[in-house]
Amino acid sequence: MLMMEQTQWKVKILYDGECPLCLREVNFLQKRDAGRGLVKFVDITDENYTPEENSGIDFETAMERIHGILPDGTVVKDLEVFRRVYEVLGIGWVYAPTKLPILGAIADWIYNIWASWRLPLTGRPNLKTLVEQKRCSQESCGLAKTEPQ
């Protein structure tokens, strides 16, 4: 009898593996997960990243702001990702104040500023350039093709 693979993770987080600040956060969260597999970490910069395995979220969309996916396929974004992940890892109190209307609005506003400036603040090219670089790496742009003589 075939056994269906059960989803062990409670939240899948799509992160930018080339962002030093994002990696610091992911490393912290992985330590908190302690091998339990409650959070699935997916590096969107990995050459094997596919939108099909991640609720259709393409590289560009994922790079614009943080995305999380719940086991039922529901997509969450922005601070809601952190609220979910921290709660699953037993440290939900860290983001609990952001559930309050006024504090939540301020936190969301700050996150939106951060998301807009994340790339330049970490010394990276703009999103358009990164998307083009990703497309080129997938299509082997720039490689000289020679015709047989």
Protein backbone atom coordinates (compact mmCIF):
# COMPACT_ATOMS: atom_id res chain seq x y z
CA MET A 1 0.00 0.00 0.00
CA LEU A 2 1.37 3.43 -0.97
CA MET A 3 1.61 6.00 1.78
CA MET A 4 0.87 9.61 0.92
CA GLU A 5 3.63 11.99 1.98
CA GLN A 6 2.28 14.07 4.83
CA THR A 7 3.22 17.69 5.13
CA GLN A 8 5.08 18.12 8.38
CA TRP A 9 5.76 21.84 8.02
CA LYS A 10 3.24 24.40 9.23
CA VAL A 11 4.59 27.35 7.22
CA LYS A 12 6.80 27.50 4.15
CA ILE A 13 8.83 30.69 3.97
CA LEU A 14 10.20 31.95 0.65
CA TYR A 15 13.37 33.90 1.31
CA ASP A 16 16.12 35.66 -0.62
CA GLY A 17 19.23 33.55 -0.06
CA GLU A 18 21.48 36.33 -1.37
CA CYS A 19 20.28 38.94 1.13
CA PRO A 20 22.60 39.06 4.16
CA LEU A 21 19.89 40.33 6.50
CA CYS A 22 17.39 37.74 5.25
CA LEU A 23 19.97 34.99 5.81
CA ARG A 24 20.57 36.19 9.34
CA GLU A 25 16.84 35.91 10.05
CA VAL A 26 16.57 32.49 8.37
CA ASN A 27 19.56 31.19 10.36
CA PHE A 28 17.90 32.38 13.58
CA LEU A 29 14.60 30.74 12.62
CA GLN A 30 16.29 27.48 11.61
CA LYS A 31 17.96 27.32 15.03
CA ARG A 32 14.59 27.91 16.69
CA ASP A 33 13.05 25.16 14.53
CA ALA A 34 15.80 22.87 15.80
CA GLY A 35 15.28 20.25 13.10
CA ARG A 36 11.58 19.77 13.88
CA GLY A 37 10.60 20.69 10.32
CA LEU A 38 7.82 23.03 11.42
CA VAL A 39 9.03 25.65 8.97
CA LYS A 40 10.10 24.83 5.44
CA PHE A 41 12.71 27.25 4.12
CA VAL A 42 12.80 27.85 0.37
CA ASP A 43 15.57 29.95 -1.16
CA ILE A 44 14.05 31.76 -4.13
CA THR A 45 17.51 32.49 -5.55
CA ASP A 46 18.31 28.79 -5.85
CA GLU A 47 18.61 27.76 -9.51
CA ASN A 48 16.11 24.95 -8.84
CA TYR A 49 13.40 27.27 -7.46
CA THR A 50 10.12 26.74 -9.31
CA PRO A 51 6.90 28.73 -8.92
CA GLU A 52 4.88 25.55 -9.54
CA GLU A 53 6.09 24.09 -6.24
CA ASN A 54 5.39 27.34 -4.42
CA SER A 55 1.77 28.31 -5.10
CA GLY A 56 2.71 29.92 -8.43
CA ILE A 57 4.83 32.65 -6.83
CA ASP A 58 7.43 33.63 -9.40
CA PHE A 59 10.91 34.96 -8.63
CA GLU A 60 10.02 38.62 -9.21
CA THR A 61 6.93 38.49 -6.99
CA ALA A 62 8.84 36.65 -4.27
CA MET A 63 11.66 39.20 -4.40
CA GLU A 64 9.30 42.15 -3.94
CA ARG A 65 8.34 41.16 -0.40
CA ILE A 66 8.38 38.14 1.90
CA HIS A 67 5.88 35.35 1.15
CA GLY A 68 4.78 32.38 3.16
CA ILE A 69 2.67 29.40 2.16
CA LEU A 70 0.48 27.39 4.49
CA PRO A 71 0.00 23.63 4.04
CA ASP A 72 -3.41 24.21 2.43
CA GLY A 73 -1.81 26.46 -0.22
CA THR A 74 -2.91 29.77 1.32
CA VAL A 75 -0.36 32.50 0.61
CA VAL A 76 0.48 35.07 3.28
CA LYS A 77 2.70 38.11 2.79
CA ASP A 78 4.62 40.77 4.65
CA LEU A 79 4.52 40.76 8.46
CA GLU A 80 1.86 38.04 8.48
CA VAL A 81 4.61 35.62 7.40
CA PHE A 82 6.67 36.49 10.46
CA ARG A 83 3.63 36.34 12.75
CA ARG A 84 2.87 32.81 11.49
CA VAL A 85 6.46 31.55 11.59
CA TYR A 86 7.21 32.95 15.03
CA GLU A 87 3.95 31.56 16.39
CA VAL A 88 4.68 28.09 15.00
CA LEU A 89 8.12 28.21 16.60
CA GLY A 90 6.70 29.14 19.99
CA ILE A 91 7.89 32.74 20.03
CA GLY A 92 4.76 34.42 18.75
CA TRP A 93 4.95 36.98 21.52
CA VAL A 94 7.65 38.78 19.49
CA TYR A 95 5.16 39.78 16.79
CA ALA A 96 1.99 39.71 18.95
CA PRO A 97 1.92 43.52 19.34
CA THR A 98 1.67 43.85 15.54
CA LYS A 99 -1.79 42.27 15.75
CA LEU A 100 -3.09 45.40 17.49
CA PRO A 101 -4.69 47.83 15.03
CA ILE A 102 -2.51 50.93 15.53
CA LEU A 103 0.77 49.11 16.17
CA GLY A 104 0.00 46.74 13.31
CA ALA A 105 -0.57 49.60 10.89
CA ILE A 106 2.70 51.24 11.93
CA ALA A 107 4.61 47.95 11.68
CA ASP A 108 3.11 47.25 8.23
CA TRP A 109 4.09 50.75 7.09
CA ILE A 110 7.67 50.23 8.32
CA TYR A 111 7.85 46.80 6.66
CA ASN A 112 6.67 48.28 3.35
CA ILE A 113 9.46 50.85 3.52
CA TRP A 114 11.96 48.10 4.32
CA ALA A 115 10.70 45.92 1.43
CA SER A 116 11.07 48.86 -0.97
CA TRP A 117 14.62 49.65 0.13
CA ARG A 118 15.93 46.15 1.01
CA LEU A 119 17.96 45.66 -2.17
CA PRO A 120 19.81 49.00 -2.20
CA LEU A 121 20.33 48.90 1.58
CA THR A 122 22.08 45.55 1.24
CA GLY A 123 24.20 46.72 -1.73
CA ARG A 124 22.32 44.73 -4.35
CA PRO A 125 21.12 45.62 -7.86
CA ASN A 126 17.53 46.76 -8.33
CA LEU A 127 14.74 44.23 -8.81
CA LYS A 128 14.55 44.69 -12.57
CA THR A 129 18.27 43.88 -12.89
CA LEU A 130 17.99 40.83 -10.63
CA VAL A 131 15.03 39.50 -12.60
CA GLU A 132 16.95 39.94 -15.86
CA GLN A 133 20.01 38.22 -14.37
CA LYS A 134 17.84 35.30 -13.23
CA ARG A 135 16.24 35.03 -16.67
CA CYS A 136 19.65 35.09 -18.33
CA SER A 137 21.07 32.45 -16.02
CA GLN A 138 18.12 30.20 -16.84
CA GLU A 139 18.51 30.79 -20.57
CA SER A 140 22.33 30.85 -20.62
CA CYS A 141 22.39 34.42 -21.95
CA GLY A 142 25.68 35.77 -23.10
CA LEU A 143 27.12 32.45 -24.11
CA ALA A 144 28.54 32.67 -27.59
CA LYS A 145 26.89 30.20 -29.88
CA THR A 146 28.94 29.14 -32.82
CA GLU A 147 27.58 27.53 -35.90
CA PRO A 148 29.38 24.45 -37.23
CA GLN A 149 31.42 25.35 -40.29
